[in-house]
Amino acid sequence: MFRTLPLYGLGLQIVFFLLFFSALLSKMNNVIGAATCLMLGFSSITLGLYSVKHSNRLFLCAIVIVIGTLIIGFTIFAYFLGEAGYPPLVRVSF
């Protein structure tokens, strides 16, 4: 069971890339798109970290963790940071 966890993480990342390259993220509400991307990124990192503990495929686990981190970084850059005087797409207020 633990040997397939990195493959599940890669599956989540493939779902992200399918959403991104098919332009479905641009058609979604910004908040829902950001939440979806963050959920896919955090869950793939979680699966990668959990599989490092229980798996022999350390290289595949490292790839899952790195790509998940890049997904989260891209999501923060695209949705939560403003650019050239434009406000961010998702505003977080506390």
PDB file of N, CA and C in Angstrom:
ATOM      1  N   MET A   1       0.812  -1.199   0.000  1.00  0.00           N
ATOM      2  CA  MET A   1       0.000   0.000   0.000  1.00  0.00           C
ATOM      3  C   MET A   1       0.852   1.259   0.000  1.00  0.00           C
ATOM      4  N   PHE A   2       1.929   1.264   0.778  1.00  0.00           N
ATOM      5  CA  PHE A   2       2.742   2.468   0.888  1.00  0.00           C
ATOM      6  C   PHE A   2       3.566   2.714  -0.367  1.00  0.00           C
ATOM      7  N   ARG A   3       3.754   1.685  -1.194  1.00  0.00           N
ATOM      8  CA  ARG A   3       4.537   1.854  -2.408  1.00  0.00           C
ATOM      9  C   ARG A   3       3.773   2.626  -3.473  1.00  0.00           C
ATOM     10  N   THR A   4       2.459   2.696  -3.360  1.00  0.00           N
ATOM     11  CA  THR A   4       1.674   3.407  -4.369  1.00  0.00           C
ATOM     12  C   THR A   4       1.383   4.857  -3.984  1.00  0.00           C
ATOM     13  N   LEU A   5       1.743   5.259  -2.777  1.00  0.00           N
ATOM     14  CA  LEU A   5       1.473   6.642  -2.358  1.00  0.00           C
ATOM     15  C   LEU A   5       2.158   7.689  -3.231  1.00  0.00           C
ATOM     16  N   PRO A   6       3.423   7.492  -3.642  1.00  0.00           N
ATOM     17  CA  PRO A   6       3.995   8.509  -4.538  1.00  0.00           C
ATOM     18  C   PRO A   6       3.261   8.582  -5.877  1.00  0.00           C
ATOM     19  N   LEU A   7       2.722   7.474  -6.329  1.00  0.00           N
ATOM     20  CA  LEU A   7       1.969   7.487  -7.583  1.00  0.00           C
ATOM     21  C   LEU A   7       0.664   8.260  -7.425  1.00  0.00           C
ATOM     22  N   TYR A   8       0.040   8.174  -6.254  1.00  0.00           N
ATOM     23  CA  TYR A   8      -1.150   8.984  -5.989  1.00  0.00           C
ATOM     24  C   TYR A   8      -0.796  10.467  -5.970  1.00  0.00           C
ATOM     25  N   GLY A   9       0.353  10.805  -5.404  1.00  0.00           N
ATOM     26  CA  GLY A   9       0.817  12.193  -5.415  1.00  0.00           C
ATOM     27  C   GLY A   9       1.061  12.689  -6.832  1.00  0.00           C
ATOM     28  N   LEU A  10       1.665  11.837  -7.667  1.00  0.00           N
ATOM     29  CA  LEU A  10       1.849  12.210  -9.067  1.00  0.00           C
ATOM     30  C   LEU A  10       0.512  12.346  -9.780  1.00  0.00           C
ATOM     31  N   GLY A  11      -0.449  11.518  -9.415  1.00  0.00           N
ATOM     32  CA  GLY A  11      -1.784  11.629  -9.994  1.00  0.00           C
ATOM     33  C   GLY A  11      -2.440  12.959  -9.662  1.00  0.00           C
ATOM     34  N   LEU A  12      -2.288  13.411  -8.427  1.00  0.00           N
ATOM     35  CA  LEU A  12      -2.826  14.718  -8.048  1.00  0.00           C
ATOM     36  C   LEU A  12      -2.150  15.844  -8.818  1.00  0.00           C
ATOM     37  N   GLN A  13      -0.867  15.702  -9.046  1.00  0.00           N
ATOM     38  CA  GLN A  13      -0.148  16.723  -9.796  1.00  0.00           C
ATOM     39  C   GLN A  13      -0.554  16.714 -11.264  1.00  0.00           C
ATOM     40  N   ILE A  14      -0.842  15.541 -11.807  1.00  0.00           N
ATOM     41  CA  ILE A  14      -1.334  15.464 -13.183  1.00  0.00           C
ATOM     42  C   ILE A  14      -2.700  16.137 -13.287  1.00  0.00           C
ATOM     43  N   VAL A  15      -3.536  15.976 -12.265  1.00  0.00           N
ATOM     44  CA  VAL A  15      -4.836  16.662 -12.257  1.00  0.00           C
ATOM     45  C   VAL A  15      -4.624  18.174 -12.272  1.00  0.00           C
ATOM     46  N   PHE A  16      -3.676  18.671 -11.489  1.00  0.00           N
ATOM     47  CA  PHE A  16      -3.385  20.104 -11.499  1.00  0.00           C
ATOM     48  C   PHE A  16      -2.958  20.569 -12.879  1.00  0.00           C
ATOM     49  N   PHE A  17      -2.036  19.846 -13.501  1.00  0.00           N
ATOM     50  CA  PHE A  17      -1.544  20.256 -14.813  1.00  0.00           C
ATOM     51  C   PHE A  17      -2.632  20.158 -15.879  1.00  0.00           C
ATOM     52  N   LEU A  18      -3.526  19.185 -15.770  1.00  0.00           N
ATOM     53  CA  LEU A  18      -4.650  19.113 -16.702  1.00  0.00           C
ATOM     54  C   LEU A  18      -5.584  20.307 -16.528  1.00  0.00           C
ATOM     55  N   LEU A  19      -5.850  20.692 -15.282  1.00  0.00           N
ATOM     56  CA  LEU A  19      -6.679  21.872 -15.037  1.00  0.00           C
ATOM     57  C   LEU A  19      -6.011  23.137 -15.566  1.00  0.00           C
ATOM     58  N   PHE A  20      -4.714  23.225 -15.381  1.00  0.00           N
ATOM     59  CA  PHE A  20      -3.991  24.428 -15.780  1.00  0.00           C
ATOM     60  C   PHE A  20      -3.889  24.546 -17.297  1.00  0.00           C
ATOM     61  N   PHE A  21      -3.467  23.481 -17.967  1.00  0.00           N
ATOM     62  CA  PHE A  21      -3.237  23.561 -19.407  1.00  0.00           C
ATOM     63  C   PHE A  21      -4.517  23.469 -20.229  1.00  0.00           C
ATOM     64  N   SER A  22      -5.598  22.976 -19.647  1.00  0.00           N
ATOM     65  CA  SER A  22      -6.865  22.977 -20.384  1.00  0.00           C
ATOM     66  C   SER A  22      -7.638  24.270 -20.157  1.00  0.00           C
ATOM     67  N   ALA A  23      -7.082  25.192 -19.413  1.00  0.00           N
ATOM     68  CA  ALA A  23      -7.652  26.514 -19.137  1.00  0.00           C
ATOM     69  C   ALA A  23      -8.931  26.434 -18.315  1.00  0.00           C
ATOM     70  N   LEU A  24      -9.117  25.364 -17.575  1.00  0.00           N
ATOM     71  CA  LEU A  24     -10.279  25.285 -16.689  1.00  0.00           C
ATOM     72  C   LEU A  24     -10.094  26.153 -15.450  1.00  0.00           C
ATOM     73  N   LEU A  25      -8.853  26.363 -15.033  1.00  0.00           N
ATOM     74  CA  LEU A  25      -8.616  27.217 -13.865  1.00  0.00           C
ATOM     75  C   LEU A  25      -8.991  28.670 -14.157  1.00  0.00           C
ATOM     76  N   SER A  26      -8.786  29.105 -15.382  1.00  0.00           N
ATOM     77  CA  SER A  26      -9.122  30.486 -15.710  1.00  0.00           C
ATOM     78  C   SER A  26     -10.636  30.703 -15.805  1.00  0.00           C
ATOM     79  N   LYS A  27     -11.392  29.637 -16.004  1.00  0.00           N
ATOM     80  CA  LYS A  27     -12.848  29.740 -16.077  1.00  0.00           C
ATOM     81  C   LYS A  27     -13.513  29.603 -14.710  1.00  0.00           C
ATOM     82  N   MET A  28     -12.755  29.129 -13.722  1.00  0.00           N
ATOM     83  CA  MET A  28     -13.299  28.979 -12.369  1.00  0.00           C
ATOM     84  C   MET A  28     -13.316  30.321 -11.652  1.00  0.00           C
ATOM     85  N   ASN A  29     -14.086  30.358 -10.580  1.00  0.00           N
ATOM     86  CA  ASN A  29     -14.019  31.481  -9.656  1.00  0.00           C
ATOM     87  C   ASN A  29     -12.601  31.519  -9.082  1.00  0.00           C
ATOM     88  N   ASN A  30     -12.062  32.697  -8.845  1.00  0.00           N
ATOM     89  CA  ASN A  30     -10.680  32.809  -8.375  1.00  0.00           C
ATOM     90  C   ASN A  30     -10.462  32.138  -7.030  1.00  0.00           C
ATOM     91  N   VAL A  31     -11.412  32.264  -6.128  1.00  0.00           N
ATOM     92  CA  VAL A  31     -11.266  31.656  -4.799  1.00  0.00           C
ATOM     93  C   VAL A  31     -11.309  30.140  -4.900  1.00  0.00           C
ATOM     94  N   ILE A  32     -12.216  29.620  -5.709  1.00  0.00           N
ATOM     95  CA  ILE A  32     -12.317  28.171  -5.873  1.00  0.00           C
ATOM     96  C   ILE A  32     -11.081  27.628  -6.581  1.00  0.00           C
ATOM     97  N   GLY A  33     -10.581  28.348  -7.578  1.00  0.00           N
ATOM     98  CA  GLY A  33      -9.365  27.926  -8.272  1.00  0.00           C
ATOM     99  C   GLY A  33      -8.159  27.913  -7.356  1.00  0.00           C
ATOM    100  N   ALA A  34      -8.017  28.947  -6.527  1.00  0.00           N
ATOM    101  CA  ALA A  34      -6.894  28.994  -5.593  1.00  0.00           C
ATOM    102  C   ALA A  34      -7.010  27.890  -4.554  1.00  0.00           C
ATOM    103  N   ALA A  35      -8.215  27.660  -4.049  1.00  0.00           N
ATOM    104  CA  ALA A  35      -8.405  26.599  -3.051  1.00  0.00           C
ATOM    105  C   ALA A  35      -8.130  25.227  -3.654  1.00  0.00           C
ATOM    106  N   THR A  36      -8.536  25.024  -4.895  1.00  0.00           N
ATOM    107  CA  THR A  36      -8.281  23.750  -5.559  1.00  0.00           C
ATOM    108  C   THR A  36      -6.786  23.521  -5.749  1.00  0.00           C
ATOM    109  N   CYS A  37      -6.086  24.544  -6.206  1.00  0.00           N
ATOM    110  CA  CYS A  37      -4.641  24.414  -6.408  1.00  0.00           C
ATOM    111  C   CYS A  37      -3.905  24.181  -5.093  1.00  0.00           C
ATOM    112  N   LEU A  38      -4.289  24.921  -4.059  1.00  0.00           N
ATOM    113  CA  LEU A  38      -3.635  24.725  -2.761  1.00  0.00           C
ATOM    114  C   LEU A  38      -3.931  23.341  -2.196  1.00  0.00           C
ATOM    115  N   MET A  39      -5.164  22.869  -2.369  1.00  0.00           N
ATOM    116  CA  MET A  39      -5.518  21.543  -1.875  1.00  0.00           C
ATOM    117  C   MET A  39      -4.719  20.466  -2.616  1.00  0.00           C
ATOM    118  N   LEU A  40      -4.606  20.582  -3.934  1.00  0.00           N
ATOM    119  CA  LEU A  40      -3.839  19.599  -4.695  1.00  0.00           C
ATOM    120  C   LEU A  40      -2.358  19.637  -4.313  1.00  0.00           C
ATOM    121  N   GLY A  41      -1.824  20.833  -4.124  1.00  0.00           N
ATOM    122  CA  GLY A  41      -0.413  20.959  -3.748  1.00  0.00           C
ATOM    123  C   GLY A  41      -0.120  20.414  -2.364  1.00  0.00           C
ATOM    124  N   PHE A  42      -0.931  20.810  -1.380  1.00  0.00           N
ATOM    125  CA  PHE A  42      -0.689  20.335  -0.012  1.00  0.00           C
ATOM    126  C   PHE A  42      -0.923  18.837   0.130  1.00  0.00           C
ATOM    127  N   SER A  43      -1.919  18.310  -0.563  1.00  0.00           N
ATOM    128  CA  SER A  43      -2.163  16.873  -0.445  1.00  0.00           C
ATOM    129  C   SER A  43      -1.066  16.075  -1.142  1.00  0.00           C
ATOM    130  N   SER A  44      -0.520  16.569  -2.246  1.00  0.00           N
ATOM    131  CA  SER A  44       0.578  15.841  -2.877  1.00  0.00           C
ATOM    132  C   SER A  44       1.850  15.914  -2.031  1.00  0.00           C
ATOM    133  N   ILE A  45       2.094  17.056  -1.379  1.00  0.00           N
ATOM    134  CA  ILE A  45       3.248  17.132  -0.470  1.00  0.00           C
ATOM    135  C   ILE A  45       3.058  16.189   0.715  1.00  0.00           C
ATOM    136  N   THR A  46       1.844  16.138   1.243  1.00  0.00           N
ATOM    137  CA  THR A  46       1.566  15.248   2.366  1.00  0.00           C
ATOM    138  C   THR A  46       1.786  13.789   1.970  1.00  0.00           C
ATOM    139  N   LEU A  47       1.297  13.405   0.804  1.00  0.00           N
ATOM    140  CA  LEU A  47       1.520  12.039   0.343  1.00  0.00           C
ATOM    141  C   LEU A  47       3.002  11.770   0.108  1.00  0.00           C
ATOM    142  N   GLY A  48       3.720  12.750  -0.417  1.00  0.00           N
ATOM    143  CA  GLY A  48       5.152  12.584  -0.631  1.00  0.00           C
ATOM    144  C   GLY A  48       5.921  12.428   0.669  1.00  0.00           C
ATOM    145  N   LEU A  49       5.602  13.255   1.666  1.00  0.00           N
ATOM    146  CA  LEU A  49       6.290  13.145   2.959  1.00  0.00           C
ATOM    147  C   LEU A  49       5.946  11.851   3.680  1.00  0.00           C
ATOM    148  N   TYR A  50       4.690  11.452   3.583  1.00  0.00           N
ATOM    149  CA  TYR A  50       4.280  10.207   4.232  1.00  0.00           C
ATOM    150  C   TYR A  50       4.925   9.004   3.554  1.00  0.00           C
ATOM    151  N   SER A  51       5.098   9.081   2.242  1.00  0.00           N
ATOM    152  CA  SER A  51       5.701   7.960   1.538  1.00  0.00           C
ATOM    153  C   SER A  51       7.216   7.911   1.716  1.00  0.00           C
ATOM    154  N   VAL A  52       7.845   9.036   2.029  1.00  0.00           N
ATOM    155  CA  VAL A  52       9.277   9.014   2.343  1.00  0.00           C
ATOM    156  C   VAL A  52       9.513   8.162   3.583  1.00  0.00           C
ATOM    157  N   LYS A  53       8.601   8.259   4.519  1.00  0.00           N
ATOM    158  CA  LYS A  53       8.731   7.526   5.767  1.00  0.00           C
ATOM    159  C   LYS A  53       8.547   6.021   5.574  1.00  0.00           C
ATOM    160  N   HIS A  54       7.714   5.627   4.606  1.00  0.00           N
ATOM    161  CA  HIS A  54       7.343   4.223   4.480  1.00  0.00           C
ATOM    162  C   HIS A  54       7.745   3.572   3.165  1.00  0.00           C
ATOM    163  N   SER A  55       8.466   4.242   2.290  1.00  0.00           N
ATOM    164  CA  SER A  55       8.694   3.701   0.954  1.00  0.00           C
ATOM    165  C   SER A  55      10.174   3.566   0.652  1.00  0.00           C
ATOM    166  N   ASN A  56      10.451   2.767  -0.368  1.00  0.00           N
ATOM    167  CA  ASN A  56      11.820   2.626  -0.852  1.00  0.00           C
ATOM    168  C   ASN A  56      12.094   3.506  -2.059  1.00  0.00           C
ATOM    169  N   ARG A  57      11.090   4.107  -2.630  1.00  0.00           N
ATOM    170  CA  ARG A  57      11.225   4.950  -3.816  1.00  0.00           C
ATOM    171  C   ARG A  57      11.495   6.399  -3.399  1.00  0.00           C
ATOM    172  N   LEU A  58      12.663   6.639  -2.857  1.00  0.00           N
ATOM    173  CA  LEU A  58      12.955   7.965  -2.326  1.00  0.00           C
ATOM    174  C   LEU A  58      13.088   9.015  -3.426  1.00  0.00           C
ATOM    175  N   PHE A  59      13.595   8.622  -4.604  1.00  0.00           N
ATOM    176  CA  PHE A  59      13.732   9.591  -5.684  1.00  0.00           C
ATOM    177  C   PHE A  59      12.366  10.049  -6.170  1.00  0.00           C
ATOM    178  N   LEU A  60      11.433   9.127  -6.334  1.00  0.00           N
ATOM    179  CA  LEU A  60      10.077   9.479  -6.752  1.00  0.00           C
ATOM    180  C   LEU A  60       9.378  10.316  -5.683  1.00  0.00           C
ATOM    181  N   CYS A  61       9.594   9.994  -4.422  1.00  0.00           N
ATOM    182  CA  CYS A  61       9.012  10.787  -3.330  1.00  0.00           C
ATOM    183  C   CYS A  61       9.559  12.212  -3.344  1.00  0.00           C
ATOM    184  N   ALA A  62      10.867  12.341  -3.597  1.00  0.00           N
ATOM    185  CA  ALA A  62      11.467  13.673  -3.648  1.00  0.00           C
ATOM    186  C   ALA A  62      10.903  14.484  -4.811  1.00  0.00           C
ATOM    187  N   ILE A  63      10.669  13.836  -5.940  1.00  0.00           N
ATOM    188  CA  ILE A  63      10.084  14.527  -7.084  1.00  0.00           C
ATOM    189  C   ILE A  63       8.671  15.011  -6.749  1.00  0.00           C
ATOM    190  N   VAL A  64       7.890  14.167  -6.084  1.00  0.00           N
ATOM    191  CA  VAL A  64       6.526  14.546  -5.694  1.00  0.00           C
ATOM    192  C   VAL A  64       6.547  15.736  -4.749  1.00  0.00           C
ATOM    193  N   ILE A  65       7.452  15.738  -3.798  1.00  0.00           N
ATOM    194  CA  ILE A  65       7.540  16.833  -2.831  1.00  0.00           C
ATOM    195  C   ILE A  65       7.968  18.132  -3.516  1.00  0.00           C
ATOM    196  N   VAL A  66       8.946  18.063  -4.400  1.00  0.00           N
ATOM    197  CA  VAL A  66       9.435  19.268  -5.073  1.00  0.00           C
ATOM    198  C   VAL A  66       8.363  19.853  -5.988  1.00  0.00           C
ATOM    199  N   ILE A  67       7.695  19.017  -6.768  1.00  0.00           N
ATOM    200  CA  ILE A  67       6.660  19.526  -7.676  1.00  0.00           C
ATOM    201  C   ILE A  67       5.473  20.065  -6.877  1.00  0.00           C
ATOM    202  N   GLY A  68       5.121  19.423  -5.770  1.00  0.00           N
ATOM    203  CA  GLY A  68       4.048  19.945  -4.917  1.00  0.00           C
ATOM    204  C   GLY A  68       4.391  21.306  -4.342  1.00  0.00           C
ATOM    205  N   THR A  69       5.645  21.487  -3.957  1.00  0.00           N
ATOM    206  CA  THR A  69       6.091  22.779  -3.443  1.00  0.00           C
ATOM    207  C   THR A  69       6.037  23.844  -4.543  1.00  0.00           C
ATOM    208  N   LEU A  70       6.412  23.470  -5.752  1.00  0.00           N
ATOM    209  CA  LEU A  70       6.330  24.414  -6.866  1.00  0.00           C
ATOM    210  C   LEU A  70       4.888  24.783  -7.194  1.00  0.00           C
ATOM    211  N   ILE A  71       3.976  23.835  -7.072  1.00  0.00           N
ATOM    212  CA  ILE A  71       2.554  24.123  -7.307  1.00  0.00           C
ATOM    213  C   ILE A  71       2.049  25.140  -6.288  1.00  0.00           C
ATOM    214  N   ILE A  72       2.417  24.952  -5.035  1.00  0.00           N
ATOM    215  CA  ILE A  72       1.987  25.892  -3.999  1.00  0.00           C
ATOM    216  C   ILE A  72       2.610  27.266  -4.229  1.00  0.00           C
ATOM    217  N   GLY A  73       3.883  27.310  -4.584  1.00  0.00           N
ATOM    218  CA  GLY A  73       4.531  28.583  -4.867  1.00  0.00           C
ATOM    219  C   GLY A  73       3.905  29.298  -6.044  1.00  0.00           C
ATOM    220  N   PHE A  74       3.578  28.563  -7.094  1.00  0.00           N
ATOM    221  CA  PHE A  74       2.909  29.173  -8.241  1.00  0.00           C
ATOM    222  C   PHE A  74       1.532  29.690  -7.868  1.00  0.00           C
ATOM    223  N   THR A  75       0.808  28.952  -7.050  1.00  0.00           N
ATOM    224  CA  THR A  75      -0.529  29.378  -6.642  1.00  0.00           C
ATOM    225  C   THR A  75      -0.464  30.662  -5.835  1.00  0.00           C
ATOM    226  N   ILE A  76       0.490  30.751  -4.930  1.00  0.00           N
ATOM    227  CA  ILE A  76       0.649  31.976  -4.146  1.00  0.00           C
ATOM    228  C   ILE A  76       1.022  33.141  -5.051  1.00  0.00           C
ATOM    229  N   PHE A  77       1.921  32.899  -5.992  1.00  0.00           N
ATOM    230  CA  PHE A  77       2.338  33.954  -6.914  1.00  0.00           C
ATOM    231  C   PHE A  77       1.183  34.405  -7.811  1.00  0.00           C
ATOM    232  N   ALA A  78       0.418  33.471  -8.336  1.00  0.00           N
ATOM    233  CA  ALA A  78      -0.615  33.810  -9.313  1.00  0.00           C
ATOM    234  C   ALA A  78      -1.862  34.400  -8.677  1.00  0.00           C
ATOM    235  N   TYR A  79      -2.237  33.926  -7.501  1.00  0.00           N
ATOM    236  CA  TYR A  79      -3.520  34.330  -6.928  1.00  0.00           C
ATOM    237  C   TYR A  79      -3.409  35.353  -5.798  1.00  0.00           C
ATOM    238  N   PHE A  80      -2.335  35.336  -5.031  1.00  0.00           N
ATOM    239  CA  PHE A  80      -2.287  36.133  -3.815  1.00  0.00           C
ATOM    240  C   PHE A  80      -1.337  37.326  -3.865  1.00  0.00           C
ATOM    241  N   LEU A  81      -0.577  37.502  -4.942  1.00  0.00           N
ATOM    242  CA  LEU A  81       0.328  38.638  -5.076  1.00  0.00           C
ATOM    243  C   LEU A  81      -0.147  39.536  -6.203  1.00  0.00           C
ATOM    244  N   GLY A  82      -0.137  40.825  -5.968  1.00  0.00           N
ATOM    245  CA  GLY A  82      -0.502  41.773  -7.008  1.00  0.00           C
ATOM    246  C   GLY A  82       0.645  41.962  -7.983  1.00  0.00           C
ATOM    247  N   GLU A  83       0.315  42.568  -9.133  1.00  0.00           N
ATOM    248  CA  GLU A  83       1.351  42.746 -10.136  1.00  0.00           C
ATOM    249  C   GLU A  83       1.151  44.074 -10.849  1.00  0.00           C
ATOM    250  N   ALA A  84       2.197  44.880 -10.906  1.00  0.00           N
ATOM    251  CA  ALA A  84       2.241  46.139 -11.658  1.00  0.00           C
ATOM    252  C   ALA A  84       1.067  47.053 -11.322  1.00  0.00           C
ATOM    253  N   GLY A  85       0.740  47.157 -10.070  1.00  0.00           N
ATOM    254  CA  GLY A  85      -0.325  48.050  -9.649  1.00  0.00           C
ATOM    255  C   GLY A  85      -1.704  47.426  -9.632  1.00  0.00           C
ATOM    256  N   TYR A  86      -1.844  46.213 -10.165  1.00  0.00           N
ATOM    257  CA  TYR A  86      -3.131  45.519 -10.120  1.00  0.00           C
ATOM    258  C   TYR A  86      -3.277  44.806  -8.783  1.00  0.00           C
ATOM    259  N   PRO A  87      -4.466  44.780  -8.238  1.00  0.00           N
ATOM    260  CA  PRO A  87      -4.644  44.059  -6.972  1.00  0.00           C
ATOM    261  C   PRO A  87      -4.582  42.551  -7.195  1.00  0.00           C
ATOM    262  N   PRO A  88      -4.333  41.794  -6.130  1.00  0.00           N
ATOM    263  CA  PRO A  88      -4.305  40.340  -6.286  1.00  0.00           C
ATOM    264  C   PRO A  88      -5.693  39.799  -6.615  1.00  0.00           C
ATOM    265  N   LEU A  89      -5.721  38.622  -7.220  1.00  0.00           N
ATOM    266  CA  LEU A  89      -7.001  38.024  -7.595  1.00  0.00           C
ATOM    267  C   LEU A  89      -7.811  37.591  -6.378  1.00  0.00           C
ATOM    268  N   VAL A  90      -7.122  37.121  -5.355  1.00  0.00           N
ATOM    269  CA  VAL A  90      -7.781  36.706  -4.117  1.00  0.00           C
ATOM    270  C   VAL A  90      -7.232  37.576  -2.996  1.00  0.00           C
ATOM    271  N   ARG A  91      -8.095  38.327  -2.361  1.00  0.00           N
ATOM    272  CA  ARG A  91      -7.672  39.175  -1.248  1.00  0.00           C
ATOM    273  C   ARG A  91      -8.011  38.481   0.051  1.00  0.00           C
ATOM    274  N   VAL A  92      -7.021  38.392   0.907  1.00  0.00           N
ATOM    275  CA  VAL A  92      -7.220  37.763   2.206  1.00  0.00           C
ATOM    276  C   VAL A  92      -7.273  38.871   3.237  1.00  0.00           C
ATOM    277  N   SER A  93      -8.363  38.931   3.975  1.00  0.00           N
ATOM    278  CA  SER A  93      -8.494  39.940   5.025  1.00  0.00           C
ATOM    279  C   SER A  93      -8.730  39.240   6.362  1.00  0.00           C
ATOM    280  N   PHE A  94      -8.064  39.738   7.352  1.00  0.00           N
ATOM    281  CA  PHE A  94      -8.184  39.137   8.684  1.00  0.00           C
ATOM    282  C   PHE A  94      -8.945  40.051   9.598  1.00  0.00           C
TER     283      PHE A  94
END
